[in-house]
Protein backbone atom coordinates (compact mmCIF):
# COMPACT_ATOMS: atom_id res chain seq x y z
CA MET A 1 -24.58 -68.48 45.33
CA TYR A 2 -24.59 -65.71 47.92
CA THR A 3 -26.12 -64.86 51.28
CA ASP A 4 -27.36 -61.51 52.51
CA ASP A 5 -24.66 -61.47 55.17
CA ASP A 6 -21.77 -61.90 52.70
CA PRO A 7 -18.93 -59.47 53.42
CA TYR A 8 -18.99 -56.32 51.32
CA LEU A 9 -22.56 -56.80 50.10
CA ASP A 10 -24.18 -54.26 52.45
CA GLU A 11 -21.68 -51.58 51.44
CA LEU A 12 -22.11 -52.39 47.75
CA ARG A 13 -25.90 -52.25 48.05
CA ALA A 14 -25.73 -48.88 49.77
CA ILE A 15 -23.66 -47.45 46.92
CA CYS A 16 -25.65 -49.00 44.07
CA LEU A 17 -29.08 -48.21 45.45
CA ARG A 18 -28.34 -44.53 45.94
CA PHE A 19 -28.42 -43.96 42.17
CA PRO A 20 -31.75 -42.65 40.84
CA GLU A 21 -34.21 -45.40 39.89
CA SER A 22 -31.69 -48.12 40.65
CA ALA A 23 -32.88 -51.53 41.75
CA GLU A 24 -31.46 -54.81 42.90
CA VAL A 25 -32.52 -57.84 40.87
CA GLU A 26 -31.35 -61.38 41.55
CA ALA A 27 -30.16 -62.99 38.34
CA TRP A 28 -27.96 -66.04 37.77
CA GLY A 29 -28.01 -66.58 41.53
CA ARG A 30 -26.36 -63.23 42.18
CA PRO A 31 -27.45 -59.70 43.13
CA THR A 32 -27.36 -57.46 40.08
CA PHE A 33 -27.92 -53.73 40.17
CA ARG A 34 -29.80 -51.99 37.42
CA ALA A 35 -30.67 -48.54 36.14
CA GLY A 36 -34.14 -49.24 34.87
CA LYS A 37 -33.75 -52.50 32.95
CA LYS A 38 -30.04 -52.17 32.23
CA MET A 39 -27.44 -53.69 34.49
CA PHE A 40 -24.54 -51.60 35.79
CA ALA A 41 -23.10 -53.85 38.53
CA VAL A 42 -23.03 -57.47 39.69
CA PHE A 43 -21.92 -58.85 43.06
CA GLU A 44 -19.86 -61.88 42.17
CA GLY A 45 -17.81 -64.59 43.69
CA ASN A 46 -15.86 -67.54 42.40
CA ASP A 47 -13.04 -69.81 43.53
CA ASP A 48 -10.31 -67.31 42.62
CA HIS A 49 -12.12 -64.15 43.71
CA PRO A 50 -14.66 -64.92 46.45
CA PHE A 51 -16.09 -61.39 46.67
CA ALA A 52 -16.02 -58.91 43.81
CA VAL A 53 -18.09 -56.40 41.89
CA ILE A 54 -18.39 -56.53 38.12
CA PHE A 55 -18.88 -53.16 36.42
CA LYS A 56 -18.41 -51.48 33.04
CA PRO A 57 -15.52 -49.01 33.29
CA ASP A 58 -15.23 -45.82 31.31
CA ALA A 59 -13.28 -46.64 28.15
CA ALA A 60 -10.61 -44.07 29.02
CA ASP A 61 -10.05 -45.64 32.46
CA ARG A 62 -9.97 -49.29 31.38
CA PRO A 63 -6.27 -49.50 30.33
CA ALA A 64 -5.08 -48.25 33.71
CA LEU A 65 -7.48 -50.47 35.63
CA VAL A 66 -6.38 -53.68 33.91
CA GLN A 67 -2.80 -52.91 35.04
CA ASP A 68 -3.94 -52.87 38.68
CA PRO A 69 -3.80 -56.36 40.26
CA ARG A 70 -7.06 -55.75 42.14
CA PHE A 71 -8.95 -55.82 38.84
CA TYR A 72 -9.55 -58.74 36.49
CA VAL A 73 -11.52 -59.54 33.36
CA PRO A 74 -14.54 -61.57 34.47
CA ALA A 75 -15.82 -64.57 32.56
CA TYR A 76 -18.80 -63.91 30.30
CA TYR A 77 -18.75 -60.11 30.90
CA GLY A 78 -15.16 -59.47 29.88
CA PRO A 79 -15.64 -59.66 26.10
CA SER A 80 -18.14 -56.78 26.40
CA GLY A 81 -15.58 -54.58 28.18
CA TRP A 82 -16.61 -55.24 31.77
CA LEU A 83 -14.07 -55.57 34.60
CA ALA A 84 -14.28 -56.85 38.16
CA LEU A 85 -12.78 -55.46 41.34
CA ASP A 86 -11.70 -58.16 43.79
CA PHE A 87 -12.71 -56.92 47.23
CA THR A 88 -10.30 -59.36 48.91
CA ALA A 89 -7.19 -58.20 47.01
CA ALA A 90 -6.61 -55.14 49.23
CA ASP A 91 -8.42 -52.84 51.64
CA VAL A 92 -11.54 -51.63 49.87
CA ASP A 93 -11.69 -47.91 49.11
CA TRP A 94 -15.46 -47.38 49.03
CA THR A 95 -15.05 -43.89 47.56
CA GLU A 96 -13.24 -45.47 44.62
CA VAL A 97 -15.94 -48.14 44.31
CA GLY A 98 -18.56 -45.38 44.23
CA GLU A 99 -16.70 -43.58 41.46
CA LEU A 100 -16.33 -46.75 39.39
CA LEU A 101 -20.01 -47.56 39.78
CA ASP A 102 -20.98 -43.98 38.95
CA GLY A 103 -19.21 -44.39 35.62
CA SER A 104 -20.86 -47.74 35.00
CA TYR A 105 -24.30 -46.37 35.90
CA ARG A 106 -23.87 -43.37 33.60
CA GLN A 107 -23.29 -45.67 30.62
CA VAL A 108 -26.72 -47.29 30.91
CA ALA A 109 -28.95 -44.75 32.69
CA LEU A 110 -31.64 -42.83 30.87
CA GLN A 111 -31.30 -39.06 30.49
CA ARG A 112 -33.88 -38.38 33.22
CA MET A 113 -31.88 -40.56 35.63
CA LEU A 114 -28.68 -38.69 34.80
CA LYS A 115 -30.41 -35.35 35.30
CA ALA A 116 -31.64 -36.51 38.69
CA LEU A 117 -28.16 -37.73 39.61
CA ASP A 118 -26.48 -34.51 38.51
CA ALA A 119 -29.07 -32.40 40.36
CA ARG A 120 -27.96 -33.89 43.71
């Protein structure tokens, strides 16, 4: 369902794997990124959105994000509050992606991971 040379995947990996104790785990035929055992990002693709990242936004940010056409509610994850950013909808702002993934990571990371992140 993906190849290691897919566009955007190298950049996404670099962002996700910089978080303390993060790991990439293939699940459902896709790269998922986890803080310990808990997932905070998924590299996804489908017919409508060939390259995207699924993440759990901060609750306060979600209303604004769903108004932005680059974001959509992904199947299966959406009912739990997750959103996806379509990398092909516009030029990718990797700083923004990093900020979104930081928020997603912080929702699932253990306290020791957060302390390590904040100590950087």
